């Protein structure tokens, strides 16, 4: 996977590659799909949810530029594979999952990773009890970032997400908290910050539940 899928696509960060080498992805997929764990495709993990393909996760983590010692909120932990990768890269991780069945499995799989705390609750609410975070990372595609989550970011923090655009294209994007101009800004957090996103690369990923915009009629 590392030599044939990640490195040829520009994933060369040594700590990120070492994390992928250290995390046994086959433990996090659905039972019976272990032989397919490293295939470049999404994997069903139950409860109507999917694990992103290895390259999508790698591009997201590469964009996030995770640094040792950072506090990270992972939104949509699923069975925990991305939380494990973040922990291997030295982050202190709050892994948020809404689905009780997935959270139970993730709790078991992540027990060996001392840097991960699994919490359960609505994904769109984030986890304000441990805020603010250096990094907020969405483990799946989203069409928008709720203000409640943006408000949990440090003033100089980052949001890594695969944003699903109105054109149907998914793009790995990095958002940075910046001071707002005078006046009210849509998306401004409670701490007076707002988030500006830069699209980095196209990358498909399964949508996270709760992060879809209302559908409107279009010709």
C-alpha atoms as a PDB file:
ATOM      1  CA  UNK A   1       0.000   0.000   0.000  1.00  0.00           C
ATOM      2  CA  UNK A   2       2.681   2.502   1.013  1.00  0.00           C
ATOM      3  CA  UNK A   3       4.946   1.922  -1.974  1.00  0.00           C
ATOM      4  CA  UNK A   4       2.302   1.308  -4.640  1.00  0.00           C
ATOM      5  CA  UNK A   5      -0.601   3.551  -3.537  1.00  0.00           C
ATOM      6  CA  UNK A   6       0.614   6.350  -1.292  1.00  0.00           C
ATOM      7  CA  UNK A   7       4.134   7.340  -2.322  1.00  0.00           C
ATOM      8  CA  UNK A   8       3.441   7.443  -6.105  1.00  0.00           C
ATOM      9  CA  UNK A   9       0.647   9.949  -5.337  1.00  0.00           C
ATOM     10  CA  UNK A  10       2.928  12.306  -3.448  1.00  0.00           C
ATOM     11  CA  UNK A  11       2.486  11.068   0.131  1.00  0.00           C
ATOM     12  CA  UNK A  12       6.073  11.286   1.339  1.00  0.00           C
ATOM     13  CA  UNK A  13       5.898  12.658   4.897  1.00  0.00           C
ATOM     14  CA  UNK A  14       8.069  10.185   6.840  1.00  0.00           C
ATOM     15  CA  UNK A  15       6.001  10.323  10.047  1.00  0.00           C
ATOM     16  CA  UNK A  16       2.784   9.814   8.103  1.00  0.00           C
ATOM     17  CA  UNK A  17       4.197   6.841   6.212  1.00  0.00           C
ATOM     18  CA  UNK A  18       5.527   5.379   9.467  1.00  0.00           C
ATOM     19  CA  UNK A  19       2.052   5.703  10.985  1.00  0.00           C
ATOM     20  CA  UNK A  20       0.487   3.833   8.078  1.00  0.00           C
ATOM     21  CA  UNK A  21       3.120   1.134   8.452  1.00  0.00           C
ATOM     22  CA  UNK A  22       2.377   0.817  12.181  1.00  0.00           C
ATOM     23  CA  UNK A  23      -1.434   0.671  12.084  1.00  0.00           C
ATOM     24  CA  UNK A  24      -2.896  -2.718  11.027  1.00  0.00           C
ATOM     25  CA  UNK A  25      -5.764  -1.524   8.847  1.00  0.00           C
ATOM     26  CA  UNK A  26      -7.226  -5.028   8.592  1.00  0.00           C
ATOM     27  CA  UNK A  27      -8.302  -4.870  12.243  1.00  0.00           C
ATOM     28  CA  UNK A  28     -10.581  -1.907  11.553  1.00  0.00           C
ATOM     29  CA  UNK A  29     -12.591  -3.207   8.577  1.00  0.00           C
ATOM     30  CA  UNK A  30     -15.748  -5.327   8.751  1.00  0.00           C
ATOM     31  CA  UNK A  31     -15.358  -9.013   9.573  1.00  0.00           C
ATOM     32  CA  UNK A  32     -14.659 -11.045   6.456  1.00  0.00           C
ATOM     33  CA  UNK A  33     -13.115  -8.123   4.570  1.00  0.00           C
ATOM     34  CA  UNK A  34      -9.625  -8.316   6.062  1.00  0.00           C
ATOM     35  CA  UNK A  35      -8.097  -9.387   2.724  1.00  0.00           C
ATOM     36  CA  UNK A  36      -9.491  -6.206   1.143  1.00  0.00           C
ATOM     37  CA  UNK A  37      -8.350  -3.827   3.874  1.00  0.00           C
ATOM     38  CA  UNK A  38      -5.542  -2.300   1.820  1.00  0.00           C
ATOM     39  CA  UNK A  39      -7.430  -2.049  -1.471  1.00  0.00           C
ATOM     40  CA  UNK A  40      -7.825   1.470  -2.822  1.00  0.00           C
ATOM     41  CA  UNK A  41     -11.560   1.589  -2.201  1.00  0.00           C
ATOM     42  CA  UNK A  42     -13.998   2.500   0.550  1.00  0.00           C
ATOM     43  CA  UNK A  43     -14.844  -0.211   3.061  1.00  0.00           C
ATOM     44  CA  UNK A  44     -18.226  -0.792   4.770  1.00  0.00           C
ATOM     45  CA  UNK A  45     -17.877  -0.784   8.554  1.00  0.00           C
ATOM     46  CA  UNK A  46     -21.533  -1.232   9.526  1.00  0.00           C
ATOM     47  CA  UNK A  47     -24.360   1.086  10.609  1.00  0.00           C
ATOM     48  CA  UNK A  48     -24.495   2.451   7.071  1.00  0.00           C
ATOM     49  CA  UNK A  49     -21.016   3.931   7.407  1.00  0.00           C
ATOM     50  CA  UNK A  50     -17.876   3.567   5.328  1.00  0.00           C
ATOM     51  CA  UNK A  51     -14.133   3.797   5.885  1.00  0.00           C
ATOM     52  CA  UNK A  52     -12.388   6.030   3.372  1.00  0.00           C
ATOM     53  CA  UNK A  53      -9.842   4.555   0.966  1.00  0.00           C
ATOM     54  CA  UNK A  54      -6.202   4.639   2.156  1.00  0.00           C
ATOM     55  CA  UNK A  55      -5.155   7.425  -0.233  1.00  0.00           C
ATOM     56  CA  UNK A  56      -8.048   9.684   0.810  1.00  0.00           C
ATOM     57  CA  UNK A  57      -7.079   9.306   4.469  1.00  0.00           C
ATOM     58  CA  UNK A  58      -3.416   9.865   3.656  1.00  0.00           C
ATOM     59  CA  UNK A  59      -4.146  13.034   1.679  1.00  0.00           C
ATOM     60  CA  UNK A  60      -6.289  14.363   4.502  1.00  0.00           C
ATOM     61  CA  UNK A  61      -3.600  13.701   7.112  1.00  0.00           C
ATOM     62  CA  UNK A  62      -0.914  15.110   4.841  1.00  0.00           C
ATOM     63  CA  UNK A  63      -2.900  18.339   4.469  1.00  0.00           C
ATOM     64  CA  UNK A  64      -3.429  18.470   8.243  1.00  0.00           C
ATOM     65  CA  UNK A  65       0.347  18.465   8.843  1.00  0.00           C
ATOM     66  CA  UNK A  66      -0.059  16.816  12.237  1.00  0.00           C
ATOM     67  CA  UNK A  67       2.589  17.761  14.783  1.00  0.00           C
ATOM     68  CA  UNK A  68       3.564  15.803  17.908  1.00  0.00           C
ATOM     69  CA  UNK A  69       1.833  17.070  21.012  1.00  0.00           C
ATOM     70  CA  UNK A  70      -1.076  18.727  19.216  1.00  0.00           C
ATOM     71  CA  UNK A  71      -4.624  18.316  20.507  1.00  0.00           C
ATOM     72  CA  UNK A  72      -6.864  16.962  17.761  1.00  0.00           C
ATOM     73  CA  UNK A  73     -10.612  16.419  17.516  1.00  0.00           C
ATOM     74  CA  UNK A  74     -11.526  13.629  15.113  1.00  0.00           C
ATOM     75  CA  UNK A  75     -15.136  13.930  13.953  1.00  0.00           C
ATOM     76  CA  UNK A  76     -16.682  10.622  12.878  1.00  0.00           C
ATOM     77  CA  UNK A  77     -14.224   8.142  14.358  1.00  0.00           C
ATOM     78  CA  UNK A  78     -15.960   5.068  12.907  1.00  0.00           C
ATOM     79  CA  UNK A  79     -14.012   1.993  13.985  1.00  0.00           C
ATOM     80  CA  UNK A  80     -10.980   4.124  14.837  1.00  0.00           C
ATOM     81  CA  UNK A  81      -8.372   3.694  12.116  1.00  0.00           C
ATOM     82  CA  UNK A  82      -7.754   7.420  11.608  1.00  0.00           C
ATOM     83  CA  UNK A  83      -7.608   7.992  15.360  1.00  0.00           C
ATOM     84  CA  UNK A  84      -4.888   5.337  15.515  1.00  0.00           C
ATOM     85  CA  UNK A  85      -2.953   7.055  12.725  1.00  0.00           C
ATOM     86  CA  UNK A  86      -3.198  10.419  14.489  1.00  0.00           C
ATOM     87  CA  UNK A  87      -1.962   8.843  17.713  1.00  0.00           C
ATOM     88  CA  UNK A  88       0.975   7.236  15.910  1.00  0.00           C
ATOM     89  CA  UNK A  89       1.874  10.708  14.634  1.00  0.00           C
ATOM     90  CA  UNK A  90       2.017  11.985  18.197  1.00  0.00           C
ATOM     91  CA  UNK A  91      -1.307  13.800  18.545  1.00  0.00           C
ATOM     92  CA  UNK A  92      -3.518  13.706  21.628  1.00  0.00           C
ATOM     93  CA  UNK A  93      -6.821  12.676  20.079  1.00  0.00           C
ATOM     94  CA  UNK A  94     -10.437  13.150  21.088  1.00  0.00           C
ATOM     95  CA  UNK A  95     -12.204  10.655  18.797  1.00  0.00           C
ATOM     96  CA  UNK A  96     -15.891  11.548  18.491  1.00  0.00           C
ATOM     97  CA  UNK A  97     -18.435   8.969  17.269  1.00  0.00           C
ATOM     98  CA  UNK A  98     -22.232   9.171  17.287  1.00  0.00           C
ATOM     99  CA  UNK A  99     -23.088   5.540  16.533  1.00  0.00           C
ATOM    100  CA  UNK A 100     -23.052   3.355  19.663  1.00  0.00           C
ATOM    101  CA  UNK A 101     -22.126   0.142  17.828  1.00  0.00           C
ATOM    102  CA  UNK A 102     -19.169   1.720  16.023  1.00  0.00           C
ATOM    103  CA  UNK A 103     -18.069   3.480  19.205  1.00  0.00           C
ATOM    104  CA  UNK A 104     -18.032   0.195  21.127  1.00  0.00           C
ATOM    105  CA  UNK A 105     -15.844  -1.462  18.533  1.00  0.00           C
ATOM    106  CA  UNK A 106     -13.559   1.564  18.279  1.00  0.00           C
ATOM    107  CA  UNK A 107     -13.160   1.604  22.061  1.00  0.00           C
ATOM    108  CA  UNK A 108     -11.841  -1.945  21.951  1.00  0.00           C
ATOM    109  CA  UNK A 109      -9.573  -1.411  18.952  1.00  0.00           C
ATOM    110  CA  UNK A 110      -8.108   1.823  20.298  1.00  0.00           C
ATOM    111  CA  UNK A 111      -7.382   0.556  23.806  1.00  0.00           C
ATOM    112  CA  UNK A 112      -3.683   0.143  22.952  1.00  0.00           C
ATOM    113  CA  UNK A 113      -3.357   3.786  21.839  1.00  0.00           C
ATOM    114  CA  UNK A 114      -2.821   5.777  25.032  1.00  0.00           C
ATOM    115  CA  UNK A 115      -3.110   9.087  23.198  1.00  0.00           C
ATOM    116  CA  UNK A 116      -6.739   8.497  22.147  1.00  0.00           C
ATOM    117  CA  UNK A 117      -9.881   9.256  24.139  1.00  0.00           C
ATOM    118  CA  UNK A 118     -13.098   7.975  22.582  1.00  0.00           C
ATOM    119  CA  UNK A 119     -16.234  10.026  23.243  1.00  0.00           C
ATOM    120  CA  UNK A 120     -19.806   9.632  21.985  1.00  0.00           C
ATOM    121  CA  UNK A 121     -22.245  12.315  20.954  1.00  0.00           C
ATOM    122  CA  UNK A 122     -23.682  14.159  17.934  1.00  0.00           C
ATOM    123  CA  UNK A 123     -20.971  14.711  15.343  1.00  0.00           C
ATOM    124  CA  UNK A 124     -22.234  18.169  14.418  1.00  0.00           C
ATOM    125  CA  UNK A 125     -21.824  19.373  18.008  1.00  0.00           C
ATOM    126  CA  UNK A 126     -18.150  18.461  18.282  1.00  0.00           C
ATOM    127  CA  UNK A 127     -16.765  18.010  21.785  1.00  0.00           C
ATOM    128  CA  UNK A 128     -16.528  21.398  23.506  1.00  0.00           C
ATOM    129  CA  UNK A 129     -15.508  19.902  26.870  1.00  0.00           C
ATOM    130  CA  UNK A 130     -11.920  19.465  25.631  1.00  0.00           C
ATOM    131  CA  UNK A 131     -11.745  22.523  23.356  1.00  0.00           C
ATOM    132  CA  UNK A 132      -9.919  24.412  22.026  1.00  0.00           C
ATOM    133  CA  UNK A 133      -8.133  22.160  19.544  1.00  0.00           C
ATOM    134  CA  UNK A 134      -5.048  22.672  17.400  1.00  0.00           C
ATOM    135  CA  UNK A 135      -6.642  20.496  14.735  1.00  0.00           C
ATOM    136  CA  UNK A 136     -10.164  19.376  13.870  1.00  0.00           C
ATOM    137  CA  UNK A 137     -10.282  16.587  11.300  1.00  0.00           C
ATOM    138  CA  UNK A 138     -13.382  15.133   9.646  1.00  0.00           C
ATOM    139  CA  UNK A 139     -13.092  11.418   8.874  1.00  0.00           C
ATOM    140  CA  UNK A 140     -15.330  11.606   5.812  1.00  0.00           C
ATOM    141  CA  UNK A 141     -16.664  14.159   3.365  1.00  0.00           C
ATOM    142  CA  UNK A 142     -18.798  17.075   4.557  1.00  0.00           C
ATOM    143  CA  UNK A 143     -20.800  19.721   2.729  1.00  0.00           C
ATOM    144  CA  UNK A 144     -20.392  22.303   5.490  1.00  0.00           C
ATOM    145  CA  UNK A 145     -18.639  22.875   8.810  1.00  0.00           C
ATOM    146  CA  UNK A 146     -21.041  23.869  11.621  1.00  0.00           C
ATOM    147  CA  UNK A 147     -20.309  27.038  13.562  1.00  0.00           C
ATOM    148  CA  UNK A 148     -20.353  24.990  16.781  1.00  0.00           C
ATOM    149  CA  UNK A 149     -17.320  23.071  15.522  1.00  0.00           C
ATOM    150  CA  UNK A 150     -15.476  26.086  14.158  1.00  0.00           C
ATOM    151  CA  UNK A 151     -15.818  27.690  17.586  1.00  0.00           C
ATOM    152  CA  UNK A 152     -13.835  24.824  19.152  1.00  0.00           C
ATOM    153  CA  UNK A 153     -10.714  25.657  17.174  1.00  0.00           C
ATOM    154  CA  UNK A 154      -7.766  27.573  18.586  1.00  0.00           C
ATOM    155  CA  UNK A 155      -7.169  31.014  17.134  1.00  0.00           C
ATOM    156  CA  UNK A 156      -4.274  29.636  15.084  1.00  0.00           C
ATOM    157  CA  UNK A 157      -5.788  26.176  14.597  1.00  0.00           C
ATOM    158  CA  UNK A 158      -6.603  24.165  11.485  1.00  0.00           C
ATOM    159  CA  UNK A 159      -9.517  22.181  10.106  1.00  0.00           C
ATOM    160  CA  UNK A 160      -8.789  19.340   7.681  1.00  0.00           C
ATOM    161  CA  UNK A 161     -11.779  18.150   5.711  1.00  0.00           C
ATOM    162  CA  UNK A 162     -12.851  16.701   2.398  1.00  0.00           C
ATOM    163  CA  UNK A 163     -15.388  19.269   1.293  1.00  0.00           C
ATOM    164  CA  UNK A 164     -18.155  18.120  -1.027  1.00  0.00           C
ATOM    165  CA  UNK A 165     -18.815  21.014  -3.372  1.00  0.00           C
ATOM    166  CA  UNK A 166     -22.064  22.040  -5.022  1.00  0.00           C
ATOM    167  CA  UNK A 167     -20.498  20.866  -8.300  1.00  0.00           C
ATOM    168  CA  UNK A 168     -20.362  17.310  -6.934  1.00  0.00           C
ATOM    169  CA  UNK A 169     -16.576  17.295  -6.639  1.00  0.00           C
ATOM    170  CA  UNK A 170     -14.926  16.353  -3.343  1.00  0.00           C
ATOM    171  CA  UNK A 171     -11.763  18.271  -2.465  1.00  0.00           C
ATOM    172  CA  UNK A 172      -9.247  17.846   0.337  1.00  0.00           C
ATOM    173  CA  UNK A 173      -9.302  21.263   1.993  1.00  0.00           C
ATOM    174  CA  UNK A 174      -7.418  22.940   4.810  1.00  0.00           C
ATOM    175  CA  UNK A 175      -9.145  25.596   6.859  1.00  0.00           C
ATOM    176  CA  UNK A 176      -7.354  28.024   9.104  1.00  0.00           C
ATOM    177  CA  UNK A 177      -8.819  30.098  11.887  1.00  0.00           C
ATOM    178  CA  UNK A 178      -8.255  33.764  11.120  1.00  0.00           C
ATOM    179  CA  UNK A 179      -9.360  36.944  12.859  1.00  0.00           C
ATOM    180  CA  UNK A 180     -12.643  38.188  11.370  1.00  0.00           C
ATOM    181  CA  UNK A 181     -12.994  41.578   9.715  1.00  0.00           C
ATOM    182  CA  UNK A 182     -15.185  44.107  11.423  1.00  0.00           C
ATOM    183  CA  UNK A 183     -18.840  43.143  11.549  1.00  0.00           C
ATOM    184  CA  UNK A 184     -20.548  39.782  11.599  1.00  0.00           C
ATOM    185  CA  UNK A 185     -19.133  37.054   9.396  1.00  0.00           C
ATOM    186  CA  UNK A 186     -21.050  33.935   8.424  1.00  0.00           C
ATOM    187  CA  UNK A 187     -19.342  30.951  10.010  1.00  0.00           C
ATOM    188  CA  UNK A 188     -17.755  33.047  12.745  1.00  0.00           C
ATOM    189  CA  UNK A 189     -17.122  31.049  15.903  1.00  0.00           C
ATOM    190  CA  UNK A 190     -18.097  32.069  19.403  1.00  0.00           C
ATOM    191  CA  UNK A 191     -14.478  32.884  20.184  1.00  0.00           C
ATOM    192  CA  UNK A 192     -14.401  35.539  17.464  1.00  0.00           C
ATOM    193  CA  UNK A 193     -12.667  33.409  14.841  1.00  0.00           C
ATOM    194  CA  UNK A 194     -13.736  32.358  11.387  1.00  0.00           C
ATOM    195  CA  UNK A 195     -12.364  29.675   9.101  1.00  0.00           C
ATOM    196  CA  UNK A 196     -11.103  30.190   5.561  1.00  0.00           C
ATOM    197  CA  UNK A 197     -10.584  27.066   3.442  1.00  0.00           C
ATOM    198  CA  UNK A 198      -8.092  26.369   0.676  1.00  0.00           C
ATOM    199  CA  UNK A 199      -8.884  23.476  -1.673  1.00  0.00           C
ATOM    200  CA  UNK A 200      -5.774  21.332  -2.191  1.00  0.00           C
ATOM    201  CA  UNK A 201      -6.731  18.336  -4.333  1.00  0.00           C
ATOM    202  CA  UNK A 202      -9.718  16.412  -5.621  1.00  0.00           C
ATOM    203  CA  UNK A 203     -10.409  13.314  -3.541  1.00  0.00           C
ATOM    204  CA  UNK A 204     -13.614  11.292  -3.209  1.00  0.00           C
ATOM    205  CA  UNK A 205     -14.747  10.071   0.203  1.00  0.00           C
ATOM    206  CA  UNK A 206     -17.981   8.806   1.789  1.00  0.00           C
ATOM    207  CA  UNK A 207     -20.188  11.504   3.313  1.00  0.00           C
ATOM    208  CA  UNK A 208     -20.456  11.792   7.075  1.00  0.00           C
ATOM    209  CA  UNK A 209     -24.060  11.749   8.337  1.00  0.00           C
ATOM    210  CA  UNK A 210     -25.377  15.109   9.486  1.00  0.00           C
ATOM    211  CA  UNK A 211     -23.154  17.241   7.288  1.00  0.00           C
ATOM    212  CA  UNK A 212     -25.323  17.526   4.163  1.00  0.00           C
ATOM    213  CA  UNK A 213     -26.927  20.796   3.113  1.00  0.00           C
ATOM    214  CA  UNK A 214     -30.687  20.958   2.438  1.00  0.00           C
ATOM    215  CA  UNK A 215     -31.483  20.063  -1.154  1.00  0.00           C
ATOM    216  CA  UNK A 216     -33.071  22.781  -3.271  1.00  0.00           C
ATOM    217  CA  UNK A 217     -34.779  22.556  -6.643  1.00  0.00           C
ATOM    218  CA  UNK A 218     -32.456  23.207  -9.580  1.00  0.00           C
ATOM    219  CA  UNK A 219     -33.095  23.201 -13.338  1.00  0.00           C
END
